[in-house]
Amino acid sequence: MALTTRRRALTTLAAALAGSVAVPAYAQASEQRHRPRPLWRAHAHNDYLHPRPLLDALDHRFGSVEADIFLVGDQLLVAHDPIDLDPARTLESLYLDPLAARVKANHGSVYRGHRRPIQLLIDIKTEGASTYLELDRHLRRYRHLFTTYAHGRVFPGPVTAVISGDRAARTPMEAQTVRRAFYDGRLADLGSTAPSSFIPLISDNWTLNFTWQGVGTFPAAERQKLRGILAAAHARGQKVRFWATPDLAGPGRDALWGELVAAGVDYLNTDDLAGLEQFLDTHDRA
């Protein structure tokens, strides 16, 4: 686009956003090209510990956020430990209501112009079956927000909820013919008969499966093991995430992240939102 045309497009867009004129097609195309793309690989571990849960991660363009929940009465409270429970910090107030408002404002997507769902990983900290059943009742109040499994088919929504944590949640989930959440598997589930329509994500502890922490050369046998895991998961339509990877800024963390990206790992786990954003932007420019 010529400089003059681009200026005209952006000026028209600004006027439209102010409410004075409709946005023509050329202005919409220009705005879309210059909108920062989401970082779909970026996963905000312990997202709720940031000053602005969810919103900070979205400002850094993350494609996945994680919330730990406790069932207290009929409320789902978000916290890392029981001592931190606060009746004001509910799953609705921190995640479900803000996501619903954002999707409405963006005409059906979390990131305007990007229909791909973001992932909401919900880690159950109390007994899994009872907590999931209450969670299911909460999710049903936001039926247009979530990717839904219904009678053998998956219908994508703006947000895909994946349930992790206490493994007892699996039993009531598998019994449902309609649900608005999916199950977070482990490496042991790679060989199971459960389809990706039930287990779309495989997550596991990096330190229990690999010795390398980003210092020195990645052992060839471990690189081969990692790529074998990715090949097996992707062949089944499943994505892969590792937790407990190094998260202190430095060359070791960047080296390990680089190997994860090269192998095709779908989500990089971090508490350092700005650090992962910078790494992924630099990696993509390179």
C-alpha atoms as a PDB file:
ATOM      1  CA  MET A   1       0.000   0.000   0.000  1.00  0.00           C
ATOM      2  CA  ALA A   2       1.405   3.467  -0.911  1.00  0.00           C
ATOM      3  CA  LEU A   3       2.167   5.774   1.989  1.00  0.00           C
ATOM      4  CA  THR A   4      -0.620   8.204   1.039  1.00  0.00           C
ATOM      5  CA  THR A   5      -3.165   5.415   0.740  1.00  0.00           C
ATOM      6  CA  ARG A   6      -2.074   3.926   4.042  1.00  0.00           C
ATOM      7  CA  ARG A   7      -2.418   7.303   5.781  1.00  0.00           C
ATOM      8  CA  ARG A   8      -5.879   7.699   4.253  1.00  0.00           C
ATOM      9  CA  ALA A   9      -6.874   4.232   5.485  1.00  0.00           C
ATOM     10  CA  LEU A  10      -5.670   4.831   9.019  1.00  0.00           C
ATOM     11  CA  THR A  11      -7.269   8.298   9.150  1.00  0.00           C
ATOM     12  CA  THR A  12     -10.583   6.873   7.952  1.00  0.00           C
ATOM     13  CA  LEU A  13     -10.311   4.053  10.480  1.00  0.00           C
ATOM     14  CA  ALA A  14      -9.704   6.490  13.334  1.00  0.00           C
ATOM     15  CA  ALA A  15     -12.735   8.506  12.299  1.00  0.00           C
ATOM     16  CA  ALA A  16     -14.848   5.366  12.132  1.00  0.00           C
ATOM     17  CA  LEU A  17     -13.773   4.297  15.596  1.00  0.00           C
ATOM     18  CA  ALA A  18     -14.802   7.737  16.819  1.00  0.00           C
ATOM     19  CA  GLY A  19     -18.252   7.006  15.390  1.00  0.00           C
ATOM     20  CA  SER A  20     -18.338   9.498  12.515  1.00  0.00           C
ATOM     21  CA  VAL A  21     -18.164   7.207   9.448  1.00  0.00           C
ATOM     22  CA  ALA A  22     -18.382   3.558   8.463  1.00  0.00           C
ATOM     23  CA  VAL A  23     -15.099   1.684   7.959  1.00  0.00           C
ATOM     24  CA  PRO A  24     -14.517   0.937   4.252  1.00  0.00           C
ATOM     25  CA  ALA A  25     -12.987  -2.353   3.172  1.00  0.00           C
ATOM     26  CA  TYR A  26      -9.549  -0.925   2.352  1.00  0.00           C
ATOM     27  CA  ALA A  27      -9.277   0.663   5.805  1.00  0.00           C
ATOM     28  CA  GLN A  28     -10.294  -2.570   7.512  1.00  0.00           C
ATOM     29  CA  ALA A  29      -7.639  -4.477   5.523  1.00  0.00           C
ATOM     30  CA  SER A  30      -4.958  -1.957   6.471  1.00  0.00           C
ATOM     31  CA  GLU A  31      -5.893  -2.068  10.147  1.00  0.00           C
ATOM     32  CA  GLN A  32      -5.906  -5.871  10.090  1.00  0.00           C
ATOM     33  CA  ARG A  33      -2.403  -6.047   8.568  1.00  0.00           C
ATOM     34  CA  HIS A  34      -0.969  -3.756  11.231  1.00  0.00           C
ATOM     35  CA  ARG A  35      -2.713  -5.337  14.227  1.00  0.00           C
ATOM     36  CA  PRO A  36      -0.221  -7.379  16.349  1.00  0.00           C
ATOM     37  CA  ARG A  37      -0.852 -11.079  15.858  1.00  0.00           C
ATOM     38  CA  PRO A  38      -1.658 -13.299  18.831  1.00  0.00           C
ATOM     39  CA  LEU A  39       1.117 -15.515  20.203  1.00  0.00           C
ATOM     40  CA  TRP A  40      -0.754 -18.804  20.108  1.00  0.00           C
ATOM     41  CA  ARG A  41       2.161 -20.765  21.658  1.00  0.00           C
ATOM     42  CA  ALA A  42       2.296 -18.549  24.748  1.00  0.00           C
ATOM     43  CA  HIS A  43       0.765 -20.069  27.899  1.00  0.00           C
ATOM     44  CA  ALA A  44       0.374 -17.946  31.052  1.00  0.00           C
ATOM     45  CA  HIS A  45       1.083 -20.371  33.888  1.00  0.00           C
ATOM     46  CA  ASN A  46      -0.438 -19.270  37.216  1.00  0.00           C
ATOM     47  CA  ASP A  47      -2.019 -16.418  35.280  1.00  0.00           C
ATOM     48  CA  TYR A  48      -4.150 -15.330  38.236  1.00  0.00           C
ATOM     49  CA  LEU A  49      -1.021 -14.220  40.155  1.00  0.00           C
ATOM     50  CA  HIS A  50      -0.433 -11.298  37.778  1.00  0.00           C
ATOM     51  CA  PRO A  51      -1.669  -7.824  38.777  1.00  0.00           C
ATOM     52  CA  ARG A  52      -4.509  -8.074  36.246  1.00  0.00           C
ATOM     53  CA  PRO A  53      -5.439 -11.727  35.732  1.00  0.00           C
ATOM     54  CA  LEU A  54      -6.285 -12.551  32.122  1.00  0.00           C
ATOM     55  CA  LEU A  55      -5.958  -8.930  30.970  1.00  0.00           C
ATOM     56  CA  ASP A  56      -2.181  -8.790  31.368  1.00  0.00           C
ATOM     57  CA  ALA A  57      -1.829 -12.016  29.370  1.00  0.00           C
ATOM     58  CA  LEU A  58      -4.098 -10.714  26.617  1.00  0.00           C
ATOM     59  CA  ASP A  59      -2.158  -7.450  26.497  1.00  0.00           C
ATOM     60  CA  HIS A  60       0.936  -9.583  25.829  1.00  0.00           C
ATOM     61  CA  ARG A  61      -1.081 -11.469  23.137  1.00  0.00           C
ATOM     62  CA  PHE A  62      -1.023 -14.876  24.857  1.00  0.00           C
ATOM     63  CA  GLY A  63      -3.003 -17.735  23.348  1.00  0.00           C
ATOM     64  CA  SER A  64      -3.509 -19.664  26.593  1.00  0.00           C
ATOM     65  CA  VAL A  65      -4.051 -18.819  30.267  1.00  0.00           C
ATOM     66  CA  GLU A  66      -4.244 -21.019  33.362  1.00  0.00           C
ATOM     67  CA  ALA A  67      -6.478 -20.619  36.405  1.00  0.00           C
ATOM     68  CA  ASP A  68      -6.458 -22.834  39.518  1.00  0.00           C
ATOM     69  CA  ILE A  69      -9.887 -23.290  41.117  1.00  0.00           C
ATOM     70  CA  PHE A  70     -11.248 -24.435  44.466  1.00  0.00           C
ATOM     71  CA  LEU A  71     -14.877 -25.418  45.030  1.00  0.00           C
ATOM     72  CA  VAL A  72     -16.180 -23.557  48.091  1.00  0.00           C
ATOM     73  CA  GLY A  73     -19.907 -24.089  48.521  1.00  0.00           C
ATOM     74  CA  ASP A  74     -21.235 -23.464  45.040  1.00  0.00           C
ATOM     75  CA  GLN A  75     -18.529 -20.927  44.223  1.00  0.00           C
ATOM     76  CA  LEU A  76     -15.382 -21.540  42.158  1.00  0.00           C
ATOM     77  CA  LEU A  77     -12.625 -19.471  43.732  1.00  0.00           C
ATOM     78  CA  VAL A  78      -9.335 -18.812  41.962  1.00  0.00           C
ATOM     79  CA  ALA A  79      -6.129 -19.210  43.995  1.00  0.00           C
ATOM     80  CA  HIS A  80      -2.910 -21.207  44.155  1.00  0.00           C
ATOM     81  CA  ASP A  81      -3.279 -22.312  47.793  1.00  0.00           C
ATOM     82  CA  PRO A  82      -6.240 -22.529  50.200  1.00  0.00           C
ATOM     83  CA  ILE A  83      -4.758 -19.764  52.360  1.00  0.00           C
ATOM     84  CA  ASP A  84      -5.133 -17.359  49.435  1.00  0.00           C
ATOM     85  CA  LEU A  85      -8.863 -17.927  48.877  1.00  0.00           C
ATOM     86  CA  ASP A  86     -10.850 -14.705  48.486  1.00  0.00           C
ATOM     87  CA  PRO A  87     -14.649 -14.731  47.903  1.00  0.00           C
ATOM     88  CA  ALA A  88     -14.231 -11.822  45.478  1.00  0.00           C
ATOM     89  CA  ARG A  89     -11.814 -13.730  43.236  1.00  0.00           C
ATOM     90  CA  THR A  90     -14.180 -16.074  41.442  1.00  0.00           C
ATOM     91  CA  LEU A  91     -13.727 -17.765  38.097  1.00  0.00           C
ATOM     92  CA  GLU A  92     -16.561 -15.616  36.751  1.00  0.00           C
ATOM     93  CA  SER A  93     -15.168 -12.284  37.902  1.00  0.00           C
ATOM     94  CA  LEU A  94     -11.572 -12.921  36.839  1.00  0.00           C
ATOM     95  CA  TYR A  95     -12.088 -14.921  33.628  1.00  0.00           C
ATOM     96  CA  LEU A  96     -15.570 -15.806  32.408  1.00  0.00           C
ATOM     97  CA  ASP A  97     -17.199 -12.369  32.565  1.00  0.00           C
ATOM     98  CA  PRO A  98     -14.186 -10.498  31.087  1.00  0.00           C
ATOM     99  CA  LEU A  99     -13.851 -13.056  28.295  1.00  0.00           C
ATOM    100  CA  ALA A 100     -17.563 -12.827  27.476  1.00  0.00           C
ATOM    101  CA  ALA A 101     -17.394  -9.020  27.386  1.00  0.00           C
ATOM    102  CA  ARG A 102     -14.308  -9.053  25.164  1.00  0.00           C
ATOM    103  CA  VAL A 103     -15.805 -11.568  22.744  1.00  0.00           C
ATOM    104  CA  LYS A 104     -18.940  -9.450  22.469  1.00  0.00           C
ATOM    105  CA  ALA A 105     -16.894  -6.305  21.825  1.00  0.00           C
ATOM    106  CA  ASN A 106     -14.771  -8.104  19.213  1.00  0.00           C
ATOM    107  CA  HIS A 107     -17.762  -9.541  17.348  1.00  0.00           C
ATOM    108  CA  GLY A 108     -17.217 -13.168  18.271  1.00  0.00           C
ATOM    109  CA  SER A 109     -13.516 -13.588  19.031  1.00  0.00           C
ATOM    110  CA  VAL A 110     -11.072 -12.885  21.837  1.00  0.00           C
ATOM    111  CA  TYR A 111      -8.592 -11.315  19.406  1.00  0.00           C
ATOM    112  CA  ARG A 112     -10.399  -9.194  16.844  1.00  0.00           C
ATOM    113  CA  GLY A 113      -9.948 -10.565  13.363  1.00  0.00           C
ATOM    114  CA  HIS A 114      -8.662 -13.947  14.623  1.00  0.00           C
ATOM    115  CA  ARG A 115     -11.292 -16.664  14.890  1.00  0.00           C
ATOM    116  CA  ARG A 116      -8.942 -19.220  16.433  1.00  0.00           C
ATOM    117  CA  PRO A 117     -10.011 -19.995  20.037  1.00  0.00           C
ATOM    118  CA  ILE A 118      -7.769 -19.149  22.943  1.00  0.00           C
ATOM    119  CA  GLN A 119      -7.285 -21.832  25.588  1.00  0.00           C
ATOM    120  CA  LEU A 120      -8.482 -21.508  29.181  1.00  0.00           C
ATOM    121  CA  LEU A 121      -6.735 -24.218  31.185  1.00  0.00           C
ATOM    122  CA  ILE A 122      -8.649 -24.769  34.432  1.00  0.00           C
ATOM    123  CA  ASP A 123      -6.659 -26.622  37.096  1.00  0.00           C
ATOM    124  CA  ILE A 124      -8.938 -28.251  39.671  1.00  0.00           C
ATOM    125  CA  LYS A 125      -7.476 -28.143  43.186  1.00  0.00           C
ATOM    126  CA  THR A 126     -10.383 -29.684  45.108  1.00  0.00           C
ATOM    127  CA  GLU A 127     -11.982 -33.106  44.582  1.00  0.00           C
ATOM    128  CA  GLY A 128     -12.211 -33.507  40.826  1.00  0.00           C
ATOM    129  CA  ALA A 129     -15.642 -35.022  40.159  1.00  0.00           C
ATOM    130  CA  SER A 130     -17.703 -32.688  42.339  1.00  0.00           C
ATOM    131  CA  THR A 131     -15.704 -29.631  41.317  1.00  0.00           C
ATOM    132  CA  TYR A 132     -16.082 -30.434  37.638  1.00  0.00           C
ATOM    133  CA  LEU A 133     -19.846 -30.910  37.911  1.00  0.00           C
ATOM    134  CA  GLU A 134     -20.153 -27.460  39.497  1.00  0.00           C
ATOM    135  CA  LEU A 135     -17.792 -26.035  36.885  1.00  0.00           C
ATOM    136  CA  ASP A 136     -19.957 -27.539  34.145  1.00  0.00           C
ATOM    137  CA  ARG A 137     -22.967 -25.685  35.552  1.00  0.00           C
ATOM    138  CA  HIS A 138     -20.979 -22.450  35.468  1.00  0.00           C
ATOM    139  CA  LEU A 139     -19.768 -22.978  31.898  1.00  0.00           C
ATOM    140  CA  ARG A 140     -23.316 -23.657  30.689  1.00  0.00           C
ATOM    141  CA  ARG A 141     -24.216 -20.069  31.612  1.00  0.00           C
ATOM    142  CA  TYR A 142     -21.712 -18.953  28.937  1.00  0.00           C
ATOM    143  CA  ARG A 143     -22.817 -21.420  26.266  1.00  0.00           C
ATOM    144  CA  HIS A 144     -21.852 -19.208  23.308  1.00  0.00           C
ATOM    145  CA  LEU A 145     -18.374 -18.562  24.695  1.00  0.00           C
ATOM    146  CA  PHE A 146     -16.943 -22.068  24.749  1.00  0.00           C
ATOM    147  CA  THR A 147     -15.945 -24.708  22.255  1.00  0.00           C
ATOM    148  CA  THR A 148     -18.520 -27.478  22.679  1.00  0.00           C
ATOM    149  CA  TYR A 149     -18.494 -31.243  22.235  1.00  0.00           C
ATOM    150  CA  ALA A 150     -21.937 -32.533  21.315  1.00  0.00           C
ATOM    151  CA  HIS A 151     -22.806 -36.103  20.330  1.00  0.00           C
ATOM    152  CA  GLY A 152     -19.478 -36.906  18.726  1.00  0.00           C
ATOM    153  CA  ARG A 153     -18.769 -33.542  17.106  1.00  0.00           C
ATOM    154  CA  VAL A 154     -16.708 -30.530  18.205  1.00  0.00           C
ATOM    155  CA  PHE A 155     -18.075 -27.041  17.569  1.00  0.00           C
ATOM    156  CA  PRO A 156     -15.340 -24.365  17.989  1.00  0.00           C
ATOM    157  CA  GLY A 157     -16.074 -21.298  20.090  1.00  0.00           C
ATOM    158  CA  PRO A 158     -14.020 -18.233  21.030  1.00  0.00           C
ATOM    159  CA  VAL A 159     -12.584 -20.042  24.093  1.00  0.00           C
ATOM    160  CA  THR A 160     -11.658 -23.698  24.589  1.00  0.00           C
ATOM    161  CA  ALA A 161     -11.781 -24.800  28.235  1.00  0.00           C
ATOM    162  CA  VAL A 162      -9.407 -27.645  29.127  1.00  0.00           C
ATOM    163  CA  ILE A 163      -9.651 -29.296  32.545  1.00  0.00           C
ATOM    164  CA  SER A 164      -6.485 -30.206  34.422  1.00  0.00           C
ATOM    165  CA  GLY A 165      -5.625 -30.934  38.032  1.00  0.00           C
ATOM    166  CA  ASP A 166      -7.451 -33.584  40.065  1.00  0.00           C
ATOM    167  CA  ARG A 167      -7.843 -36.605  37.776  1.00  0.00           C
ATOM    168  CA  ALA A 168     -11.223 -37.628  39.203  1.00  0.00           C
ATOM    169  CA  ALA A 169     -12.802 -35.048  36.876  1.00  0.00           C
ATOM    170  CA  ARG A 170     -12.321 -37.500  34.025  1.00  0.00           C
ATOM    171  CA  THR A 171     -15.165 -39.831  35.040  1.00  0.00           C
ATOM    172  CA  PRO A 172     -18.063 -37.332  34.850  1.00  0.00           C
ATOM    173  CA  MET A 173     -16.564 -35.726  31.751  1.00  0.00           C
ATOM    174  CA  GLU A 174     -16.426 -39.018  29.850  1.00  0.00           C
ATOM    175  CA  ALA A 175     -20.058 -39.721  30.739  1.00  0.00           C
ATOM    176  CA  GLN A 176     -21.307 -36.547  29.066  1.00  0.00           C
ATOM    177  CA  THR A 177     -22.695 -36.488  25.542  1.00  0.00           C
ATOM    178  CA  VAL A 178     -22.604 -32.679  25.601  1.00  0.00           C
ATOM    179  CA  ARG A 179     -19.890 -30.711  27.378  1.00  0.00           C
ATOM    180  CA  ARG A 180     -18.183 -27.344  27.178  1.00  0.00           C
ATOM    181  CA  ALA A 181     -14.768 -28.520  28.335  1.00  0.00           C
ATOM    182  CA  PHE A 182     -12.062 -30.996  27.387  1.00  0.00           C
ATOM    183  CA  TYR A 183      -9.554 -33.079  29.326  1.00  0.00           C
ATOM    184  CA  ASP A 184      -5.854 -32.352  29.816  1.00  0.00           C
ATOM    185  CA  GLY A 185      -4.024 -35.668  29.298  1.00  0.00           C
ATOM    186  CA  ARG A 186      -0.576 -36.844  30.359  1.00  0.00           C
ATOM    187  CA  LEU A 187       2.127 -38.609  28.378  1.00  0.00           C
ATOM    188  CA  ALA A 188       0.668 -41.907  29.561  1.00  0.00           C
ATOM    189  CA  ASP A 189      -2.481 -41.020  27.584  1.00  0.00           C
ATOM    190  CA  LEU A 190      -0.609 -40.896  24.276  1.00  0.00           C
ATOM    191  CA  GLY A 191      -1.249 -44.593  23.724  1.00  0.00           C
ATOM    192  CA  SER A 192      -4.824 -44.584  24.992  1.00  0.00           C
ATOM    193  CA  THR A 193      -7.949 -44.953  22.887  1.00  0.00           C
ATOM    194  CA  ALA A 194      -9.341 -41.580  24.058  1.00  0.00           C
ATOM    195  CA  PRO A 195      -9.722 -39.341  20.996  1.00  0.00           C
ATOM    196  CA  SER A 196      -8.580 -35.757  20.606  1.00  0.00           C
ATOM    197  CA  SER A 197     -12.235 -34.735  20.910  1.00  0.00           C
ATOM    198  CA  PHE A 198     -11.856 -35.676  24.582  1.00  0.00           C
ATOM    199  CA  ILE A 199      -8.098 -35.157  25.144  1.00  0.00           C
ATOM    200  CA  PRO A 200      -6.946 -32.341  22.838  1.00  0.00           C
ATOM    201  CA  LEU A 201      -3.945 -31.490  25.042  1.00  0.00           C
ATOM    202  CA  ILE A 202      -1.111 -33.569  26.490  1.00  0.00           C
ATOM    203  CA  SER A 203       0.690 -31.861  29.403  1.00  0.00           C
ATOM    204  CA  ASP A 204       3.500 -33.225  31.547  1.00  0.00           C
ATOM    205  CA  ASN A 205       6.339 -32.302  33.894  1.00  0.00           C
ATOM    206  CA  TRP A 206       9.515 -31.528  31.936  1.00  0.00           C
ATOM    207  CA  THR A 207      11.846 -32.494  34.797  1.00  0.00           C
ATOM    208  CA  LEU A 208      10.277 -35.964  35.127  1.00  0.00           C
ATOM    209  CA  ASN A 209      10.924 -36.727  31.474  1.00  0.00           C
ATOM    210  CA  PHE A 210      14.108 -34.837  30.555  1.00  0.00           C
ATOM    211  CA  THR A 211      17.358 -33.978  32.319  1.00  0.00           C
ATOM    212  CA  TRP A 212      18.363 -31.030  30.132  1.00  0.00           C
ATOM    213  CA  GLN A 213      17.702 -27.569  31.603  1.00  0.00           C
ATOM    214  CA  GLY A 214      19.028 -25.456  28.744  1.00  0.00           C
ATOM    215  CA  VAL A 215      22.711 -25.458  29.725  1.00  0.00           C
ATOM    216  CA  GLY A 216      25.145 -27.082  27.334  1.00  0.00           C
ATOM    217  CA  THR A 217      24.073 -29.274  24.442  1.00  0.00           C
ATOM    218  CA  PHE A 218      20.664 -30.866  24.331  1.00  0.00           C
ATOM    219  CA  PRO A 219      21.400 -34.631  24.499  1.00  0.00           C
ATOM    220  CA  ALA A 220      20.633 -36.265  21.167  1.00  0.00           C
ATOM    221  CA  ALA A 221      18.614 -39.042  22.814  1.00  0.00           C
ATOM    222  CA  GLU A 222      16.446 -36.509  24.637  1.00  0.00           C
ATOM    223  CA  ARG A 223      15.928 -34.458  21.472  1.00  0.00           C
ATOM    224  CA  GLN A 224      14.824 -37.626  19.702  1.00  0.00           C
ATOM    225  CA  LYS A 225      12.489 -38.493  22.584  1.00  0.00           C
ATOM    226  CA  LEU A 226      10.935 -35.008  22.494  1.00  0.00           C
ATOM    227  CA  ARG A 227      10.338 -35.162  18.770  1.00  0.00           C
ATOM    228  CA  GLY A 228       8.858 -38.627  19.097  1.00  0.00           C
ATOM    229  CA  ILE A 229       6.374 -37.328  21.658  1.00  0.00           C
ATOM    230  CA  LEU A 230       5.379 -34.482  19.352  1.00  0.00           C
ATOM    231  CA  ALA A 231       5.015 -36.762  16.348  1.00  0.00           C
ATOM    232  CA  ALA A 232       2.792 -39.174  18.271  1.00  0.00           C
ATOM    233  CA  ALA A 233       0.597 -36.423  19.703  1.00  0.00           C
ATOM    234  CA  HIS A 234       0.233 -34.461  16.484  1.00  0.00           C
ATOM    235  CA  ALA A 235      -0.633 -37.623  14.560  1.00  0.00           C
ATOM    236  CA  ARG A 236      -3.618 -37.966  16.917  1.00  0.00           C
ATOM    237  CA  GLY A 237      -4.598 -34.300  16.620  1.00  0.00           C
ATOM    238  CA  GLN A 238      -3.341 -33.449  20.113  1.00  0.00           C
ATOM    239  CA  LYS A 239      -1.265 -30.493  21.294  1.00  0.00           C
ATOM    240  CA  VAL A 240       1.630 -30.696  23.766  1.00  0.00           C
ATOM    241  CA  ARG A 241       2.688 -28.574  26.741  1.00  0.00           C
ATOM    242  CA  PHE A 242       5.368 -29.095  29.396  1.00  0.00           C
ATOM    243  CA  TRP A 243       5.345 -27.460  32.796  1.00  0.00           C
ATOM    244  CA  ALA A 244       8.327 -27.088  35.183  1.00  0.00           C
ATOM    245  CA  THR A 245      10.576 -25.806  32.406  1.00  0.00           C
ATOM    246  CA  PRO A 246      13.237 -23.240  33.431  1.00  0.00           C
ATOM    247  CA  ASP A 247      11.626 -19.828  33.806  1.00  0.00           C
ATOM    248  CA  LEU A 248      14.437 -17.537  34.959  1.00  0.00           C
ATOM    249  CA  ALA A 249      15.505 -15.082  32.264  1.00  0.00           C
ATOM    250  CA  GLY A 250      18.795 -16.048  30.668  1.00  0.00           C
ATOM    251  CA  PRO A 251      20.449 -17.999  27.866  1.00  0.00           C
ATOM    252  CA  GLY A 252      19.487 -21.373  29.348  1.00  0.00           C
ATOM    253  CA  ARG A 253      15.791 -20.597  29.270  1.00  0.00           C
ATOM    254  CA  ASP A 254      16.051 -19.215  25.736  1.00  0.00           C
ATOM    255  CA  ALA A 255      17.972 -22.286  24.582  1.00  0.00           C
ATOM    256  CA  LEU A 256      15.326 -24.614  25.979  1.00  0.00           C
ATOM    257  CA  TRP A 257      12.489 -22.537  24.544  1.00  0.00           C
ATOM    258  CA  GLY A 258      14.267 -22.632  21.203  1.00  0.00           C
ATOM    259  CA  GLU A 259      14.397 -26.424  21.259  1.00  0.00           C
ATOM    260  CA  LEU A 260      10.716 -26.607  22.201  1.00  0.00           C
ATOM    261  CA  VAL A 261       9.749 -24.365  19.299  1.00  0.00           C
ATOM    262  CA  ALA A 262      11.992 -26.278  16.887  1.00  0.00           C
ATOM    263  CA  ALA A 263      10.390 -29.573  17.943  1.00  0.00           C
ATOM    264  CA  GLY A 264       6.891 -28.163  17.467  1.00  0.00           C
ATOM    265  CA  VAL A 265       5.756 -27.948  21.103  1.00  0.00           C
ATOM    266  CA  ASP A 266       2.410 -26.169  20.984  1.00  0.00           C
ATOM    267  CA  TYR A 267       2.509 -24.218  24.255  1.00  0.00           C
ATOM    268  CA  LEU A 268       5.465 -22.655  26.079  1.00  0.00           C
ATOM    269  CA  ASN A 269       4.853 -22.371  29.815  1.00  0.00           C
ATOM    270  CA  THR A 270       5.871 -19.189  31.670  1.00  0.00           C
ATOM    271  CA  ASP A 271       5.122 -16.737  34.452  1.00  0.00           C
ATOM    272  CA  ASP A 272       7.201 -14.084  32.602  1.00  0.00           C
ATOM    273  CA  LEU A 273       4.699 -12.633  30.154  1.00  0.00           C
ATOM    274  CA  ALA A 274       6.964  -9.956  28.704  1.00  0.00           C
ATOM    275  CA  GLY A 275       9.916 -12.348  28.480  1.00  0.00           C
ATOM    276  CA  LEU A 276       8.073 -14.951  26.420  1.00  0.00           C
ATOM    277  CA  GLU A 277       6.459 -12.304  24.245  1.00  0.00           C
ATOM    278  CA  GLN A 278       9.889 -10.868  23.417  1.00  0.00           C
ATOM    279  CA  PHE A 279      11.359 -14.326  22.783  1.00  0.00           C
ATOM    280  CA  LEU A 280       8.597 -15.359  20.381  1.00  0.00           C
ATOM    281  CA  ASP A 281       8.684 -12.053  18.512  1.00  0.00           C
ATOM    282  CA  THR A 282      12.459 -12.277  18.153  1.00  0.00           C
ATOM    283  CA  HIS A 283      12.274 -15.927  17.094  1.00  0.00           C
ATOM    284  CA  ASP A 284       9.692 -15.144  14.418  1.00  0.00           C
ATOM    285  CA  ARG A 285      11.703 -12.205  13.048  1.00  0.00           C
ATOM    286  CA  ALA A 286      14.757 -14.474  12.837  1.00  0.00           C
END
